[in-house]
Each structure stands twice: as structure tokens, then as C-alpha cells.
Amino acid sequence: MTQTTPNRPGLLREFTDIITKVSVPYHEPKAVVLRRRIVVALVLVLGAAMLGFMHTKQPGDAWFYWLSLLLGAVWAVGALVSGPLHLGMVRFRGRGERPVFTGTGVGLVLGGFFILGALVVQHIPVLADGVVGVLEFTTQISWRLVVLIAIVNAIAEEMFFRGALFSAFGRHQPMVLSTLFYVVAMMAAGNPTVGVAALVVGTVCAIERRATGGVLAPVLTHLVWGLMMVLALPPIFGM
């Protein structure tokens, strides 16, 4: 039985405190803020354009997969060039820790939520067609390459959207605005299903970024969720 003390509250209270915490934005010199905003704006436009161009390719076209990896490099390099990134911390059991278990656990829950949703969506043709349109790109090549692309893009997207872009907004509603820009960028793929997934994943990861003050938890959540999607969804949809 978990004992609750002034210095060590119950587990449920600790988990609630972790998720609802609002970390104080990092103080950055004006020059860094300006550079970050300029780089973020340029990379955002370039990345969205690349994503839209990628989705003019057909499933199985080698260019789509090379461009996917290149897009990951664009997000990651843009994030690093924009300014410093932070891993973040959580306070658990009375001590500060990197949010490894937090990010991984949220990713598992989020992935489970999507899988349950997929079991329902597969019986609704209009919705199922949108999901199949995305999954077709994962079934035309080696599963190893699919996993590699999922890993690269999960890390790179979080570095940029929950790292550089989130920081660029400072105190000006970064959670809401970074999620909005993430959805808009992902909608360049031209598939509403991608936009819905981006809204859910982006919101969850933005909450983690706000709570932990860094990108480690969002990266792990996005990574676990992404791997669950590319490995579990194709069999559900008979692919």
C-alpha cells in the first residue's frame, strides 16, 4: 500500500501533478529568440512543402521513402539550428528524473487507444478508406525500413514541433499554437486521417512538453505510438 506523506503524495496524485504541471519557459536572449523564430518559420514552410510533394507519389515509389527520411532530417536539423533543446524533467517519488517512463507509458496508452479505435473504424468504410490510404505506404516495402522511417520521423518531428516551435512561442500559448501549426503542416499530406491523428498526438505531446519542460517525453510517446501504428494497424485492416 502506497503511503502518503507531505513529501511523498500518493501515486495517482503524483501522476496527476506530472501531467498538469506547467513548466516555466526557458529565458532566452532576444537574439536567440529571433533566430529561432526565423529558422522555425523557414523550416515549417519547407517541411510542409516536402510533405505535400511526398504524397504526390504512389505507394511503393522509392522516392516517397527517401523523401520521408529527408524530411526527418529537415525537421531535426531545423530544430538544432534554431537554438538549444531541452530534455525536460519530472518530479517522482521525491526526486527529479528524466521522463522516460512518463513518455513511454503515455505512448503505450495512446497507441492502445488508437488500436481500439481502429477496431471500430475498420467497419466504417468512409473512415477505413482514409486509414488504408495511409497504411498503403507501409505495406509496399520492408517492415524494417518502415520501422526506421517511423523512428526517424517521430524523433525529428518532436525535436522541431515540441522543441523548436514550442519554444519559439515563448509564453504566447505555445501548447495550443504549436499543436495548430503541427496539424496544418501534417495536413499537407492531403489526407484528413493524418490531420486527425496529428491533432490527437500533437495535443498529447504538447501537454507533455508543457509539463516536463523538454522534448524527451514527447519523443518517447510519439516513438512508441508510431511503432504501434505501423506494426499493429496493417493486420487489423487486412493488409
Protein backbone atom coordinates (compact mmCIF):
# COMPACT_ATOMS: atom_id res chain seq x y z
CA MET A 1 0.00 0.00 0.00
CA THR A 2 1.36 3.42 -1.00
CA GLN A 3 1.78 5.73 1.96
CA THR A 4 1.06 9.42 1.50
CA THR A 5 3.24 11.93 3.28
CA PRO A 6 3.76 15.67 2.80
CA ASN A 7 6.93 14.92 0.82
CA ARG A 8 5.61 11.82 -0.96
CA PRO A 9 1.99 12.01 -2.10
CA GLY A 10 0.09 9.01 -3.49
CA LEU A 11 0.93 7.68 -6.94
CA LEU A 12 -2.29 8.91 -8.53
CA ARG A 13 -1.65 12.40 -7.18
CA GLU A 14 1.93 12.29 -8.44
CA PHE A 15 0.88 11.24 -11.93
CA THR A 16 -1.78 13.95 -11.98
CA ASP A 17 0.75 16.54 -10.83
CA ILE A 18 3.19 15.47 -13.55
CA ILE A 19 0.66 15.83 -16.37
CA THR A 20 -0.92 19.06 -15.15
CA LYS A 21 2.30 20.87 -14.30
CA VAL A 22 3.12 23.98 -16.32
CA SER A 23 6.87 24.37 -16.66
CA VAL A 24 8.28 27.88 -16.70
CA PRO A 25 9.53 28.83 -20.21
CA TYR A 26 13.31 28.99 -20.53
CA HIS A 27 14.71 32.50 -20.59
CA GLU A 28 16.48 33.08 -23.91
CA PRO A 29 18.31 36.19 -25.15
CA LYS A 30 16.47 38.25 -27.77
CA ALA A 31 18.99 37.25 -30.43
CA VAL A 32 18.29 33.55 -29.80
CA VAL A 33 14.52 34.12 -29.86
CA LEU A 34 14.76 35.99 -33.17
CA ARG A 35 16.97 33.33 -34.75
CA ARG A 36 14.68 30.59 -33.52
CA ARG A 37 11.58 32.23 -34.96
CA ILE A 38 13.19 32.87 -38.35
CA VAL A 39 14.55 29.33 -38.63
CA VAL A 40 11.28 27.79 -37.45
CA ALA A 41 9.23 29.77 -40.00
CA LEU A 42 11.50 28.78 -42.89
CA VAL A 43 11.69 25.12 -41.90
CA LEU A 44 7.93 24.93 -41.31
CA VAL A 45 7.21 26.10 -44.86
CA LEU A 46 9.90 23.85 -46.36
CA GLY A 47 8.75 20.82 -44.39
CA ALA A 48 5.08 21.26 -45.29
CA ALA A 49 6.01 21.67 -48.95
CA MET A 50 8.10 18.50 -48.86
CA LEU A 51 5.30 16.59 -47.14
CA GLY A 52 2.83 17.69 -49.80
CA PHE A 53 5.23 16.71 -52.59
CA MET A 54 5.87 13.31 -50.98
CA HIS A 55 2.19 12.50 -51.15
CA THR A 56 2.08 13.05 -54.88
CA LYS A 57 3.98 9.75 -55.06
CA GLN A 58 2.31 6.36 -55.19
CA PRO A 59 2.76 3.64 -52.55
CA GLY A 60 5.88 1.67 -53.40
CA ASP A 61 7.59 4.58 -55.17
CA ALA A 62 11.12 4.65 -53.79
CA TRP A 63 11.13 8.46 -53.87
CA PHE A 64 8.43 8.61 -51.20
CA TYR A 65 10.57 6.74 -48.69
CA TRP A 66 13.76 8.65 -49.45
CA LEU A 67 11.84 11.89 -49.10
CA SER A 68 10.42 10.67 -45.78
CA LEU A 69 13.92 10.27 -44.40
CA LEU A 70 15.00 13.59 -45.90
CA LEU A 71 12.01 15.30 -44.31
CA GLY A 72 13.03 13.87 -40.95
CA ALA A 73 16.48 15.37 -41.47
CA VAL A 74 14.92 18.75 -42.28
CA TRP A 75 12.87 18.78 -39.07
CA ALA A 76 15.82 17.66 -36.94
CA VAL A 77 18.43 19.99 -38.44
CA GLY A 78 15.99 22.88 -38.30
CA ALA A 79 15.37 22.20 -34.62
CA LEU A 80 19.08 22.06 -33.80
CA VAL A 81 19.93 25.19 -35.81
CA SER A 82 17.09 27.17 -34.23
CA GLY A 83 18.58 27.08 -30.75
CA PRO A 84 19.05 24.91 -27.66
CA LEU A 85 16.70 21.99 -26.97
CA HIS A 86 15.99 20.58 -23.52
CA LEU A 87 15.20 17.02 -22.42
CA GLY A 88 12.95 18.01 -19.53
CA MET A 89 12.41 16.65 -16.03
CA VAL A 90 9.64 15.29 -13.83
CA ARG A 91 9.49 15.03 -10.06
CA PHE A 92 8.64 11.50 -8.98
CA ARG A 93 8.94 9.87 -5.58
CA GLY A 94 10.57 12.98 -4.20
CA ARG A 95 13.35 13.34 -6.77
CA GLY A 96 13.86 14.83 -10.19
CA GLU A 97 14.10 12.33 -13.07
CA ARG A 98 14.17 12.29 -16.84
CA PRO A 99 10.61 11.50 -18.05
CA VAL A 100 11.49 8.14 -19.60
CA PHE A 101 8.70 6.13 -18.00
CA THR A 102 6.25 9.00 -18.39
CA GLY A 103 6.81 9.31 -22.13
CA THR A 104 6.87 5.56 -22.73
CA GLY A 105 3.77 4.92 -20.63
CA VAL A 106 1.76 7.66 -22.32
CA GLY A 107 2.84 6.28 -25.70
CA LEU A 108 1.57 2.81 -24.82
CA VAL A 109 -1.77 4.20 -23.63
CA LEU A 110 -2.11 6.40 -26.70
CA GLY A 111 -1.23 3.53 -29.02
CA GLY A 112 -3.78 1.29 -27.28
CA PHE A 113 -6.42 4.00 -27.71
CA PHE A 114 -5.74 4.20 -31.45
CA ILE A 115 -5.79 0.41 -31.85
CA LEU A 116 -9.17 0.21 -30.13
CA GLY A 117 -10.36 2.99 -32.41
CA ALA A 118 -9.07 1.10 -35.45
CA LEU A 119 -11.13 -1.96 -34.49
CA VAL A 120 -14.21 0.25 -34.78
CA VAL A 121 -13.14 2.29 -37.80
CA GLN A 122 -12.46 -0.82 -39.91
CA HIS A 123 -16.22 -1.40 -40.04
CA ILE A 124 -16.96 2.14 -41.28
CA PRO A 125 -15.99 2.25 -44.98
CA VAL A 126 -15.68 6.04 -45.27
CA LEU A 127 -13.26 6.22 -42.34
CA ALA A 128 -11.50 2.96 -43.13
CA ASP A 129 -10.61 4.18 -46.64
CA GLY A 130 -8.68 7.12 -45.17
CA VAL A 131 -6.68 4.86 -42.85
CA VAL A 132 -5.95 2.37 -45.63
CA GLY A 133 -4.74 5.24 -47.81
CA VAL A 134 -2.07 5.96 -45.21
CA LEU A 135 -1.18 2.35 -44.45
CA GLU A 136 -0.65 1.50 -48.12
CA PHE A 137 2.66 3.31 -47.92
CA THR A 138 3.78 0.99 -45.09
CA THR A 139 2.98 -2.30 -46.80
CA GLN A 140 4.88 -1.86 -50.07
CA ILE A 141 8.38 -2.08 -48.61
CA SER A 142 10.35 -3.98 -45.99
CA TRP A 143 8.94 -3.63 -42.49
CA ARG A 144 12.46 -2.78 -41.32
CA LEU A 145 12.52 0.33 -43.50
CA VAL A 146 9.04 1.25 -42.27
CA VAL A 147 10.24 0.99 -38.68
CA LEU A 148 13.33 3.07 -39.46
CA ILE A 149 11.22 5.82 -41.04
CA ALA A 150 8.81 5.76 -38.09
CA ILE A 151 11.68 6.13 -35.63
CA VAL A 152 13.43 8.91 -37.56
CA ASN A 153 10.28 10.96 -38.08
CA ALA A 154 8.99 10.52 -34.53
CA ILE A 155 12.23 11.88 -33.10
CA ALA A 156 12.63 14.62 -35.71
CA GLU A 157 9.03 15.87 -35.55
CA GLU A 158 9.14 16.17 -31.78
CA MET A 159 12.50 17.93 -31.85
CA PHE A 160 11.02 20.51 -34.19
CA PHE A 161 7.36 20.90 -33.17
CA ARG A 162 7.60 20.31 -29.41
CA GLY A 163 11.16 21.58 -29.20
CA ALA A 164 11.96 24.47 -31.52
CA LEU A 165 8.43 25.56 -32.48
CA PHE A 166 7.06 25.29 -28.92
CA SER A 167 9.97 27.37 -27.60
CA ALA A 168 9.56 29.94 -30.37
CA PHE A 169 6.15 30.95 -28.99
CA GLY A 170 7.56 31.60 -25.52
CA ARG A 171 4.68 32.50 -23.22
CA HIS A 172 2.21 33.10 -26.06
CA GLN A 173 0.04 29.96 -25.88
CA PRO A 174 2.80 27.59 -27.06
CA MET A 175 0.80 24.41 -26.38
CA VAL A 176 -2.17 25.49 -28.49
CA LEU A 177 -0.26 27.21 -31.28
CA SER A 178 2.42 24.53 -31.70
CA THR A 179 -0.33 21.90 -31.99
CA LEU A 180 -2.24 24.01 -34.51
CA PHE A 181 0.83 24.50 -36.68
CA TYR A 182 1.61 20.78 -36.42
CA VAL A 183 -1.85 19.85 -37.67
CA VAL A 184 -1.66 22.37 -40.53
CA ALA A 185 1.77 21.06 -41.58
CA MET A 186 0.65 17.41 -41.45
CA MET A 187 -2.49 18.23 -43.44
CA ALA A 188 -0.19 19.00 -46.35
CA ALA A 189 -0.33 15.23 -46.88
CA GLY A 190 -3.87 15.78 -48.19
CA ASN A 191 -5.46 13.05 -46.04
CA PRO A 192 -7.89 14.07 -43.27
CA THR A 193 -6.96 10.94 -41.33
CA VAL A 194 -3.42 12.28 -40.96
CA GLY A 195 -4.84 15.56 -39.68
CA VAL A 196 -6.97 13.83 -37.03
CA ALA A 197 -4.03 11.74 -35.84
CA ALA A 198 -1.83 14.84 -35.77
CA LEU A 199 -4.40 16.69 -33.65
CA VAL A 200 -4.58 13.92 -31.04
CA VAL A 201 -0.87 13.09 -30.95
CA GLY A 202 0.13 16.74 -31.15
CA THR A 203 -2.12 17.69 -28.25
CA VAL A 204 -0.86 14.88 -26.03
CA CYS A 205 2.79 15.59 -26.82
CA ALA A 206 2.32 19.33 -26.32
CA ILE A 207 0.84 18.67 -22.87
CA GLU A 208 3.89 16.56 -22.06
CA ARG A 209 6.21 19.27 -23.33
CA ARG A 210 4.47 21.85 -21.17
CA ALA A 211 4.54 19.54 -18.15
CA THR A 212 8.15 18.35 -18.37
CA GLY A 213 9.83 21.37 -19.95
CA GLY A 214 11.56 19.29 -22.62
CA VAL A 215 11.28 17.00 -25.65
CA LEU A 216 12.21 13.62 -24.17
CA ALA A 217 8.70 12.65 -23.04
CA PRO A 218 7.07 13.74 -26.34
CA VAL A 219 9.75 11.92 -28.35
CA LEU A 220 9.20 8.67 -26.46
CA THR A 221 5.42 8.97 -26.66
CA HIS A 222 5.48 9.66 -30.40
CA LEU A 223 8.04 6.90 -30.96
CA VAL A 224 6.09 4.21 -29.09
CA TRP A 225 2.79 5.30 -30.65
CA GLY A 226 4.29 5.37 -34.16
CA LEU A 227 5.78 1.89 -33.89
CA MET A 228 2.49 0.50 -32.59
CA MET A 229 0.67 2.06 -35.54
CA VAL A 230 2.92 0.79 -38.34
CA LEU A 231 3.14 -2.71 -36.85
CA ALA A 232 -0.37 -3.25 -35.49
CA LEU A 233 -2.72 -1.41 -37.86
CA PRO A 234 -1.95 -3.16 -41.18
CA PRO A 235 -3.09 -6.60 -39.90
CA ILE A 236 -6.25 -5.04 -38.43
CA PHE A 237 -7.15 -3.65 -41.87
CA GLY A 238 -6.20 -6.90 -43.62
CA MET A 239 -3.06 -5.54 -45.26
